Amino acid sequence: MTVETSSTTRRRPRYQIKVVGMLGLAIIVFWLIVAALGPHLAPYPIGDIVDQDYFGPMSRDFWLGSDYLGRDMLSRIVYGARYTLGISLAAVTMACTCGVVLGMSAAVAGGWFDSVLSRFLDAMSSIPSKLFALVVVSAVGSSIPVLIFMLAVIYTPGSYRFARALAVNIAAMDYITIARLRGEKMFHIITAEVLPNIIGPVLTDLGLRFVFIVLLLSGMSFLGLGVQPPAADWGGLVRENIDGLPFAAPAVILPSIAIATLTIAVNLFIDNLPVKIRDRSE
């Protein structure tokens, strides 16, 4: 007696990521490792003047040249990765966590809570981000906690609107109505019913906002309102070595390339996220 294999047998889904996405992921992982192991990878301390020449070229002793004071640029870029990635990751985590939690709560609760919160965050999002950042930093200072909090506040309204738009559609589904009729609490509906169905787009949005935060932080540091000396993120490195631009000095070009590689890599990975592929035998 033979047993026929049912065509409806469940198979584990397989996922495929494009080569371009893998390249972007590899660059992201590279910069994360550099940021995490910065002090162990840098050949010189961040503030030591080790070259007698300023804006020195690439050489055996200084792989990425030297800056306007004769400091090793490889060490400066490695340490700068910790500030750029660390501040950006902390800010985007705070912004997306607050925005998603508030967005799901507003979509599920509805009523006056949704209206008041939406109008308030819409008003906040109407303020130009760079203007808001300049005012806050000029008034309070540009310490790292202030930068993280300010960047999180700037990008929370956008994350809220995105999460709420997704959650509103989910909240109108029949299974959410059934959960309400069962007497489930709002916390259970949000965590068990709504969040699992929007987590994919939310993670994609998080990656995009990370890119926006990196660019805004770098722009602020270029204006002198970001990370303050002797520490420096990549935007600050461009600013302090801008006088080397007429000489095509590596000290001003390489931090710009570092910013570009990180932001482009994140975009490449987001645009080529792993997709489910169907088994041909199904």
C-alpha atoms as a PDB file:
ATOM      1  CA  MET A   1       0.000   0.000   0.000  1.00  0.00           C
ATOM      2  CA  THR A   2       1.459   3.318  -1.033  1.00  0.00           C
ATOM      3  CA  VAL A   3       0.795   6.575   0.698  1.00  0.00           C
ATOM      4  CA  GLU A   4       0.496   9.600  -1.536  1.00  0.00           C
ATOM      5  CA  THR A   5       2.235  12.725  -0.394  1.00  0.00           C
ATOM      6  CA  SER A   6      -0.260  15.542  -0.029  1.00  0.00           C
ATOM      7  CA  SER A   7       0.482  18.647  -2.063  1.00  0.00           C
ATOM      8  CA  THR A   8      -0.722  20.677   0.879  1.00  0.00           C
ATOM      9  CA  THR A   9       2.070  19.451   3.161  1.00  0.00           C
ATOM     10  CA  ARG A  10       3.524  22.428   4.929  1.00  0.00           C
ATOM     11  CA  ARG A  11       7.080  23.302   4.103  1.00  0.00           C
ATOM     12  CA  ARG A  12       9.324  25.706   5.857  1.00  0.00           C
ATOM     13  CA  PRO A  13       9.547  28.971   3.933  1.00  0.00           C
ATOM     14  CA  ARG A  14      12.838  29.681   2.242  1.00  0.00           C
ATOM     15  CA  TYR A  15      14.253  33.152   1.955  1.00  0.00           C
ATOM     16  CA  GLN A  16      16.582  34.642  -0.597  1.00  0.00           C
ATOM     17  CA  ILE A  17      18.617  37.835  -0.466  1.00  0.00           C
ATOM     18  CA  LYS A  18      20.079  39.468  -3.538  1.00  0.00           C
ATOM     19  CA  VAL A  19      23.817  39.914  -3.986  1.00  0.00           C
ATOM     20  CA  VAL A  20      23.469  43.687  -3.742  1.00  0.00           C
ATOM     21  CA  GLY A  21      21.666  43.300  -0.420  1.00  0.00           C
ATOM     22  CA  MET A  22      24.414  40.997   0.854  1.00  0.00           C
ATOM     23  CA  LEU A  23      27.012  43.593  -0.132  1.00  0.00           C
ATOM     24  CA  GLY A  24      25.122  46.274   1.788  1.00  0.00           C
ATOM     25  CA  LEU A  25      24.814  43.998   4.818  1.00  0.00           C
ATOM     26  CA  ALA A  26      28.541  43.221   4.714  1.00  0.00           C
ATOM     27  CA  ILE A  27      29.419  46.928   4.745  1.00  0.00           C
ATOM     28  CA  ILE A  28      27.028  47.552   7.644  1.00  0.00           C
ATOM     29  CA  VAL A  29      28.538  44.687   9.642  1.00  0.00           C
ATOM     30  CA  PHE A  30      32.035  45.991   8.852  1.00  0.00           C
ATOM     31  CA  TRP A  31      31.279  49.437  10.269  1.00  0.00           C
ATOM     32  CA  LEU A  32      29.559  47.934  13.306  1.00  0.00           C
ATOM     33  CA  ILE A  33      32.669  45.870  14.050  1.00  0.00           C
ATOM     34  CA  VAL A  34      34.869  48.942  13.588  1.00  0.00           C
ATOM     35  CA  ALA A  35      32.679  50.944  15.977  1.00  0.00           C
ATOM     36  CA  ALA A  36      32.606  48.168  18.581  1.00  0.00           C
ATOM     37  CA  LEU A  37      36.349  47.420  18.488  1.00  0.00           C
ATOM     38  CA  GLY A  38      37.551  50.955  17.787  1.00  0.00           C
ATOM     39  CA  PRO A  39      40.127  51.315  20.600  1.00  0.00           C
ATOM     40  CA  HIS A  40      41.645  47.944  19.705  1.00  0.00           C
ATOM     41  CA  LEU A  41      41.840  48.666  15.962  1.00  0.00           C
ATOM     42  CA  ALA A  42      43.158  52.241  16.013  1.00  0.00           C
ATOM     43  CA  PRO A  43      46.956  52.311  15.593  1.00  0.00           C
ATOM     44  CA  TYR A  44      47.312  55.583  17.551  1.00  0.00           C
ATOM     45  CA  PRO A  45      45.394  57.369  20.322  1.00  0.00           C
ATOM     46  CA  ILE A  46      42.727  59.664  18.917  1.00  0.00           C
ATOM     47  CA  GLY A  47      44.344  62.963  19.920  1.00  0.00           C
ATOM     48  CA  ASP A  48      48.059  62.238  19.531  1.00  0.00           C
ATOM     49  CA  ILE A  49      50.029  64.272  16.991  1.00  0.00           C
ATOM     50  CA  VAL A  50      52.147  61.642  15.271  1.00  0.00           C
ATOM     51  CA  ASP A  51      53.050  63.245  11.931  1.00  0.00           C
ATOM     52  CA  GLN A  52      55.296  66.270  11.478  1.00  0.00           C
ATOM     53  CA  ASP A  53      53.455  67.177   8.298  1.00  0.00           C
ATOM     54  CA  TYR A  54      49.832  68.354   8.232  1.00  0.00           C
ATOM     55  CA  PHE A  55      47.414  66.944   5.642  1.00  0.00           C
ATOM     56  CA  GLY A  56      49.963  64.226   5.061  1.00  0.00           C
ATOM     57  CA  PRO A  57      49.411  61.715   2.239  1.00  0.00           C
ATOM     58  CA  MET A  58      48.742  58.019   2.613  1.00  0.00           C
ATOM     59  CA  SER A  59      51.870  56.126   3.559  1.00  0.00           C
ATOM     60  CA  ARG A  60      53.106  52.936   5.195  1.00  0.00           C
ATOM     61  CA  ASP A  61      53.001  54.564   8.618  1.00  0.00           C
ATOM     62  CA  PHE A  62      49.737  56.449   8.066  1.00  0.00           C
ATOM     63  CA  TRP A  63      47.456  54.378   5.881  1.00  0.00           C
ATOM     64  CA  LEU A  64      44.842  57.134   5.529  1.00  0.00           C
ATOM     65  CA  GLY A  65      47.150  60.119   5.876  1.00  0.00           C
ATOM     66  CA  SER A  66      47.142  62.723   8.629  1.00  0.00           C
ATOM     67  CA  ASP A  67      44.865  65.640   9.466  1.00  0.00           C
ATOM     68  CA  TYR A  68      45.407  69.385   9.842  1.00  0.00           C
ATOM     69  CA  LEU A  69      47.360  68.865  13.102  1.00  0.00           C
ATOM     70  CA  GLY A  70      49.291  65.783  12.071  1.00  0.00           C
ATOM     71  CA  ARG A  71      47.018  63.242  13.785  1.00  0.00           C
ATOM     72  CA  ASP A  72      46.505  59.817  12.219  1.00  0.00           C
ATOM     73  CA  MET A  73      43.315  59.803  10.140  1.00  0.00           C
ATOM     74  CA  LEU A  74      42.793  56.054  10.353  1.00  0.00           C
ATOM     75  CA  SER A  75      42.569  56.337  14.137  1.00  0.00           C
ATOM     76  CA  ARG A  76      40.286  59.374  13.879  1.00  0.00           C
ATOM     77  CA  ILE A  77      37.900  57.627  11.476  1.00  0.00           C
ATOM     78  CA  VAL A  78      37.835  54.458  13.574  1.00  0.00           C
ATOM     79  CA  TYR A  79      37.005  56.421  16.719  1.00  0.00           C
ATOM     80  CA  GLY A  80      34.579  58.610  14.773  1.00  0.00           C
ATOM     81  CA  ALA A  81      32.603  55.517  13.778  1.00  0.00           C
ATOM     82  CA  ARG A  82      31.762  54.980  17.449  1.00  0.00           C
ATOM     83  CA  TYR A  83      30.181  58.430  17.714  1.00  0.00           C
ATOM     84  CA  THR A  84      28.395  58.378  14.354  1.00  0.00           C
ATOM     85  CA  LEU A  85      26.964  54.882  14.682  1.00  0.00           C
ATOM     86  CA  GLY A  86      26.466  54.983  18.451  1.00  0.00           C
ATOM     87  CA  ILE A  87      24.540  58.263  18.547  1.00  0.00           C
ATOM     88  CA  SER A  88      22.519  57.365  15.437  1.00  0.00           C
ATOM     89  CA  LEU A  89      21.595  53.885  16.681  1.00  0.00           C
ATOM     90  CA  ALA A  90      20.565  55.194  20.098  1.00  0.00           C
ATOM     91  CA  ALA A  91      18.499  58.004  18.589  1.00  0.00           C
ATOM     92  CA  VAL A  92      16.740  55.848  15.976  1.00  0.00           C
ATOM     93  CA  THR A  93      15.967  53.187  18.582  1.00  0.00           C
ATOM     94  CA  MET A  94      14.370  55.757  20.870  1.00  0.00           C
ATOM     95  CA  ALA A  95      12.480  57.455  18.034  1.00  0.00           C
ATOM     96  CA  CYS A  96      11.074  54.270  16.513  1.00  0.00           C
ATOM     97  CA  THR A  97      10.244  52.683  19.861  1.00  0.00           C
ATOM     98  CA  CYS A  98       8.303  55.732  21.033  1.00  0.00           C
ATOM     99  CA  GLY A  99       6.715  56.306  17.619  1.00  0.00           C
ATOM    100  CA  VAL A 100       5.617  52.705  17.103  1.00  0.00           C
ATOM    101  CA  VAL A 101       4.260  52.290  20.638  1.00  0.00           C
ATOM    102  CA  LEU A 102       2.324  55.550  20.447  1.00  0.00           C
ATOM    103  CA  GLY A 103       1.125  54.828  16.900  1.00  0.00           C
ATOM    104  CA  MET A 104      -0.224  51.391  17.770  1.00  0.00           C
ATOM    105  CA  SER A 105      -1.818  52.710  20.967  1.00  0.00           C
ATOM    106  CA  ALA A 106      -3.543  55.524  19.104  1.00  0.00           C
ATOM    107  CA  ALA A 107      -4.805  53.185  16.374  1.00  0.00           C
ATOM    108  CA  VAL A 108      -6.216  50.655  18.846  1.00  0.00           C
ATOM    109  CA  ALA A 109      -7.588  53.142  21.390  1.00  0.00           C
ATOM    110  CA  GLY A 110      -8.976  55.661  18.898  1.00  0.00           C
ATOM    111  CA  GLY A 111     -11.247  58.470  20.076  1.00  0.00           C
ATOM    112  CA  TRP A 112      -9.915  61.598  21.741  1.00  0.00           C
ATOM    113  CA  PHE A 113      -6.564  59.991  22.548  1.00  0.00           C
ATOM    114  CA  ASP A 114      -5.868  59.369  18.868  1.00  0.00           C
ATOM    115  CA  SER A 115      -7.035  62.852  17.842  1.00  0.00           C
ATOM    116  CA  VAL A 116      -5.073  64.783  20.467  1.00  0.00           C
ATOM    117  CA  LEU A 117      -1.865  62.779  20.029  1.00  0.00           C
ATOM    118  CA  SER A 118      -2.017  62.939  16.241  1.00  0.00           C
ATOM    119  CA  ARG A 119      -2.568  66.707  16.165  1.00  0.00           C
ATOM    120  CA  PHE A 120       0.266  67.279  18.655  1.00  0.00           C
ATOM    121  CA  LEU A 121       2.792  65.159  16.735  1.00  0.00           C
ATOM    122  CA  ASP A 122       1.653  66.628  13.409  1.00  0.00           C
ATOM    123  CA  ALA A 123       2.429  70.062  14.822  1.00  0.00           C
ATOM    124  CA  MET A 124       5.883  68.856  15.903  1.00  0.00           C
ATOM    125  CA  SER A 125       6.614  67.367  12.484  1.00  0.00           C
ATOM    126  CA  SER A 126       5.822  70.704  10.833  1.00  0.00           C
ATOM    127  CA  ILE A 127       8.897  72.272  12.486  1.00  0.00           C
ATOM    128  CA  PRO A 128      11.943  72.056  10.172  1.00  0.00           C
ATOM    129  CA  SER A 129      14.304  69.467  11.621  1.00  0.00           C
ATOM    130  CA  LYS A 130      17.521  71.389  11.063  1.00  0.00           C
ATOM    131  CA  LEU A 131      16.048  74.585  12.521  1.00  0.00           C
ATOM    132  CA  PHE A 132      14.796  72.709  15.579  1.00  0.00           C
ATOM    133  CA  ALA A 133      18.197  71.055  16.032  1.00  0.00           C
ATOM    134  CA  LEU A 134      20.054  74.360  15.770  1.00  0.00           C
ATOM    135  CA  VAL A 135      17.777  76.033  18.321  1.00  0.00           C
ATOM    136  CA  VAL A 136      18.000  73.188  20.842  1.00  0.00           C
ATOM    137  CA  VAL A 137      21.770  72.778  20.579  1.00  0.00           C
ATOM    138  CA  SER A 138      22.360  76.524  20.736  1.00  0.00           C
ATOM    139  CA  ALA A 139      20.190  76.810  23.853  1.00  0.00           C
ATOM    140  CA  VAL A 140      21.170  73.657  25.757  1.00  0.00           C
ATOM    141  CA  GLY A 141      24.536  72.617  24.375  1.00  0.00           C
ATOM    142  CA  SER A 142      25.716  69.728  22.224  1.00  0.00           C
ATOM    143  CA  SER A 143      26.549  66.987  24.686  1.00  0.00           C
ATOM    144  CA  ILE A 144      25.997  63.441  23.503  1.00  0.00           C
ATOM    145  CA  PRO A 145      22.827  62.850  25.622  1.00  0.00           C
ATOM    146  CA  VAL A 146      21.348  66.097  24.271  1.00  0.00           C
ATOM    147  CA  LEU A 147      22.141  65.085  20.692  1.00  0.00           C
ATOM    148  CA  ILE A 148      20.541  61.661  21.133  1.00  0.00           C
ATOM    149  CA  PHE A 149      17.409  63.074  22.763  1.00  0.00           C
ATOM    150  CA  MET A 150      17.054  65.855  20.192  1.00  0.00           C
ATOM    151  CA  LEU A 151      17.440  63.512  17.222  1.00  0.00           C
ATOM    152  CA  ALA A 152      14.923  61.107  18.763  1.00  0.00           C
ATOM    153  CA  VAL A 153      12.389  63.910  19.256  1.00  0.00           C
ATOM    154  CA  ILE A 154      12.820  65.073  15.658  1.00  0.00           C
ATOM    155  CA  TYR A 155      12.119  61.663  14.131  1.00  0.00           C
ATOM    156  CA  THR A 156       9.482  60.342  16.552  1.00  0.00           C
ATOM    157  CA  PRO A 157       6.513  62.069  14.779  1.00  0.00           C
ATOM    158  CA  GLY A 158       7.371  60.477  11.434  1.00  0.00           C
ATOM    159  CA  SER A 159       7.715  57.055  13.000  1.00  0.00           C
ATOM    160  CA  TYR A 160       4.397  57.587  14.786  1.00  0.00           C
ATOM    161  CA  ARG A 161       2.533  58.483  11.602  1.00  0.00           C
ATOM    162  CA  PHE A 162       3.992  55.493   9.752  1.00  0.00           C
ATOM    163  CA  ALA A 163       3.179  53.008  12.530  1.00  0.00           C
ATOM    164  CA  ARG A 164      -0.310  54.431  13.060  1.00  0.00           C
ATOM    165  CA  ALA A 165      -1.129  54.170   9.340  1.00  0.00           C
ATOM    166  CA  LEU A 166      -0.187  50.487   9.424  1.00  0.00           C
ATOM    167  CA  ALA A 167      -1.894  49.789  12.740  1.00  0.00           C
ATOM    168  CA  VAL A 168      -5.188  51.449  11.730  1.00  0.00           C
ATOM    169  CA  ASN A 169      -5.632  48.925   8.911  1.00  0.00           C
ATOM    170  CA  ILE A 170      -4.821  46.025  11.234  1.00  0.00           C
ATOM    171  CA  ALA A 171      -7.164  47.341  13.958  1.00  0.00           C
ATOM    172  CA  ALA A 172     -10.082  47.169  11.514  1.00  0.00           C
ATOM    173  CA  MET A 173      -9.616  43.430  10.897  1.00  0.00           C
ATOM    174  CA  ASP A 174     -12.139  40.862  12.114  1.00  0.00           C
ATOM    175  CA  TYR A 175      -9.717  39.063  14.400  1.00  0.00           C
ATOM    176  CA  ILE A 176      -9.084  42.320  16.296  1.00  0.00           C
ATOM    177  CA  THR A 177     -12.847  42.676  16.776  1.00  0.00           C
ATOM    178  CA  ILE A 178     -13.002  39.110  18.050  1.00  0.00           C
ATOM    179  CA  ALA A 179     -10.159  39.813  20.457  1.00  0.00           C
ATOM    180  CA  ARG A 180     -12.048  42.822  21.794  1.00  0.00           C
ATOM    181  CA  LEU A 181     -15.193  40.706  22.235  1.00  0.00           C
ATOM    182  CA  ARG A 182     -13.157  38.132  24.149  1.00  0.00           C
ATOM    183  CA  GLY A 183     -12.295  40.897  26.574  1.00  0.00           C
ATOM    184  CA  GLU A 184      -8.614  41.104  25.721  1.00  0.00           C
ATOM    185  CA  LYS A 185      -6.787  44.117  27.144  1.00  0.00           C
ATOM    186  CA  MET A 186      -5.288  46.753  24.863  1.00  0.00           C
ATOM    187  CA  PHE A 187      -1.756  45.651  25.785  1.00  0.00           C
ATOM    188  CA  HIS A 188      -2.473  42.131  24.557  1.00  0.00           C
ATOM    189  CA  ILE A 189      -4.058  43.375  21.332  1.00  0.00           C
ATOM    190  CA  ILE A 190      -1.084  45.625  20.605  1.00  0.00           C
ATOM    191  CA  THR A 191       1.660  43.111  21.398  1.00  0.00           C
ATOM    192  CA  ALA A 192       0.048  39.882  20.208  1.00  0.00           C
ATOM    193  CA  GLU A 193      -2.201  40.992  17.343  1.00  0.00           C
ATOM    194  CA  VAL A 194      -1.006  44.286  15.866  1.00  0.00           C
ATOM    195  CA  LEU A 195       2.782  44.346  16.314  1.00  0.00           C
ATOM    196  CA  PRO A 196       3.549  40.971  14.652  1.00  0.00           C
ATOM    197  CA  ASN A 197       1.686  42.110  11.532  1.00  0.00           C
ATOM    198  CA  ILE A 198       3.548  45.399  11.101  1.00  0.00           C
ATOM    199  CA  ILE A 199       7.030  44.457  12.304  1.00  0.00           C
ATOM    200  CA  GLY A 200       8.449  44.046   8.772  1.00  0.00           C
ATOM    201  CA  PRO A 201       7.557  47.525   7.463  1.00  0.00           C
ATOM    202  CA  VAL A 202       8.508  49.024  10.838  1.00  0.00           C
ATOM    203  CA  LEU A 203      12.031  47.578  10.611  1.00  0.00           C
ATOM    204  CA  THR A 204      12.350  48.933   7.080  1.00  0.00           C
ATOM    205  CA  ASP A 205      11.268  52.358   8.298  1.00  0.00           C
ATOM    206  CA  LEU A 206      13.815  52.121  11.123  1.00  0.00           C
ATOM    207  CA  GLY A 207      16.607  51.621   8.593  1.00  0.00           C
ATOM    208  CA  LEU A 208      15.540  54.642   6.565  1.00  0.00           C
ATOM    209  CA  ARG A 209      15.329  56.846   9.632  1.00  0.00           C
ATOM    210  CA  PHE A 210      18.782  55.669  10.682  1.00  0.00           C
ATOM    211  CA  VAL A 211      20.120  57.041   7.391  1.00  0.00           C
ATOM    212  CA  PHE A 212      18.313  60.354   7.943  1.00  0.00           C
ATOM    213  CA  ILE A 213      19.747  60.636  11.455  1.00  0.00           C
ATOM    214  CA  VAL A 214      23.296  59.890  10.274  1.00  0.00           C
ATOM    215  CA  LEU A 215      23.019  62.624   7.644  1.00  0.00           C
ATOM    216  CA  LEU A 216      21.487  65.148  10.054  1.00  0.00           C
ATOM    217  CA  LEU A 217      24.094  64.417  12.731  1.00  0.00           C
ATOM    218  CA  SER A 218      26.901  64.736  10.195  1.00  0.00           C
ATOM    219  CA  GLY A 219      25.451  68.016   8.934  1.00  0.00           C
ATOM    220  CA  MET A 220      25.229  69.417  12.455  1.00  0.00           C
ATOM    221  CA  SER A 221      28.803  68.375  13.206  1.00  0.00           C
ATOM    222  CA  PHE A 222      29.913  70.021   9.968  1.00  0.00           C
ATOM    223  CA  LEU A 223      28.333  73.252  11.258  1.00  0.00           C
ATOM    224  CA  GLY A 224      30.138  72.854  14.585  1.00  0.00           C
ATOM    225  CA  LEU A 225      27.008  71.956  16.593  1.00  0.00           C
ATOM    226  CA  GLY A 226      27.468  68.193  16.826  1.00  0.00           C
ATOM    227  CA  VAL A 227      30.083  66.166  18.668  1.00  0.00           C
ATOM    228  CA  GLN A 228      32.608  68.572  20.148  1.00  0.00           C
ATOM    229  CA  PRO A 229      36.446  68.375  20.065  1.00  0.00           C
ATOM    230  CA  PRO A 230      38.640  66.580  20.942  1.00  0.00           C
ATOM    231  CA  ALA A 231      36.096  63.878  20.067  1.00  0.00           C
ATOM    232  CA  ALA A 232      34.689  63.945  16.552  1.00  0.00           C
ATOM    233  CA  ASP A 233      32.242  62.021  14.440  1.00  0.00           C
ATOM    234  CA  TRP A 234      32.643  61.725  10.674  1.00  0.00           C
ATOM    235  CA  GLY A 235      30.872  65.017   9.985  1.00  0.00           C
ATOM    236  CA  GLY A 236      33.177  66.750  12.455  1.00  0.00           C
ATOM    237  CA  LEU A 237      36.208  65.250  10.735  1.00  0.00           C
ATOM    238  CA  VAL A 238      35.103  66.763   7.424  1.00  0.00           C
ATOM    239  CA  ARG A 239      34.607  70.147   9.054  1.00  0.00           C
ATOM    240  CA  GLU A 240      37.943  70.329  10.858  1.00  0.00           C
ATOM    241  CA  ASN A 241      39.867  69.293   7.733  1.00  0.00           C
ATOM    242  CA  ILE A 242      37.926  71.361   5.200  1.00  0.00           C
ATOM    243  CA  ASP A 243      41.001  73.524   4.535  1.00  0.00           C
ATOM    244  CA  GLY A 244      42.621  70.494   2.931  1.00  0.00           C
ATOM    245  CA  LEU A 245      40.008  70.317   0.190  1.00  0.00           C
ATOM    246  CA  PRO A 246      42.021  72.389  -2.348  1.00  0.00           C
ATOM    247  CA  PHE A 247      44.884  69.905  -1.866  1.00  0.00           C
ATOM    248  CA  ALA A 248      42.635  66.825  -2.229  1.00  0.00           C
ATOM    249  CA  ALA A 249      43.815  65.767   1.214  1.00  0.00           C
ATOM    250  CA  PRO A 250      42.670  62.291   2.338  1.00  0.00           C
ATOM    251  CA  ALA A 251      41.737  63.857   5.683  1.00  0.00           C
ATOM    252  CA  VAL A 252      38.710  65.606   4.172  1.00  0.00           C
ATOM    253  CA  ILE A 253      37.791  63.063   1.503  1.00  0.00           C
ATOM    254  CA  LEU A 254      37.858  59.811   3.485  1.00  0.00           C
ATOM    255  CA  PRO A 255      35.371  60.794   6.253  1.00  0.00           C
ATOM    256  CA  SER A 256      32.959  61.813   3.490  1.00  0.00           C
ATOM    257  CA  ILE A 257      33.441  58.419   1.853  1.00  0.00           C
ATOM    258  CA  ALA A 258      32.786  56.725   5.207  1.00  0.00           C
ATOM    259  CA  ILE A 259      29.451  58.557   5.548  1.00  0.00           C
ATOM    260  CA  ALA A 260      28.535  57.684   1.964  1.00  0.00           C
ATOM    261  CA  THR A 261      29.401  53.994   2.291  1.00  0.00           C
ATOM    262  CA  LEU A 262      27.342  53.598   5.469  1.00  0.00           C
ATOM    263  CA  THR A 263      24.228  55.363   4.193  1.00  0.00           C
ATOM    264  CA  ILE A 264      24.349  53.722   0.756  1.00  0.00           C
ATOM    265  CA  ALA A 265      24.885  50.294   2.332  1.00  0.00           C
ATOM    266  CA  VAL A 266      21.836  50.697   4.555  1.00  0.00           C
ATOM    267  CA  ASN A 267      19.736  51.745   1.548  1.00  0.00           C
ATOM    268  CA  LEU A 268      21.003  48.817  -0.522  1.00  0.00           C
ATOM    269  CA  PHE A 269      20.163  46.360   2.244  1.00  0.00           C
ATOM    270  CA  ILE A 270      16.695  47.825   2.783  1.00  0.00           C
ATOM    271  CA  ASP A 271      15.922  47.787  -0.940  1.00  0.00           C
ATOM    272  CA  ASN A 272      17.007  44.144  -1.181  1.00  0.00           C
ATOM    273  CA  LEU A 273      15.639  42.636   2.012  1.00  0.00           C
ATOM    274  CA  PRO A 274      15.310  38.819   2.089  1.00  0.00           C
ATOM    275  CA  VAL A 275      12.176  37.703   0.247  1.00  0.00           C
ATOM    276  CA  LYS A 276      10.261  34.476   0.565  1.00  0.00           C
ATOM    277  CA  ILE A 277      10.650  32.147  -2.406  1.00  0.00           C
ATOM    278  CA  ARG A 278       8.137  29.490  -3.330  1.00  0.00           C
ATOM    279  CA  ASP A 279       8.995  25.839  -3.802  1.00  0.00           C
ATOM    280  CA  ARG A 280       8.402  24.854  -7.444  1.00  0.00           C
ATOM    281  CA  SER A 281       6.926  21.564  -6.304  1.00  0.00           C
ATOM    282  CA  GLU A 282       4.079  23.333  -4.480  1.00  0.00           C
END
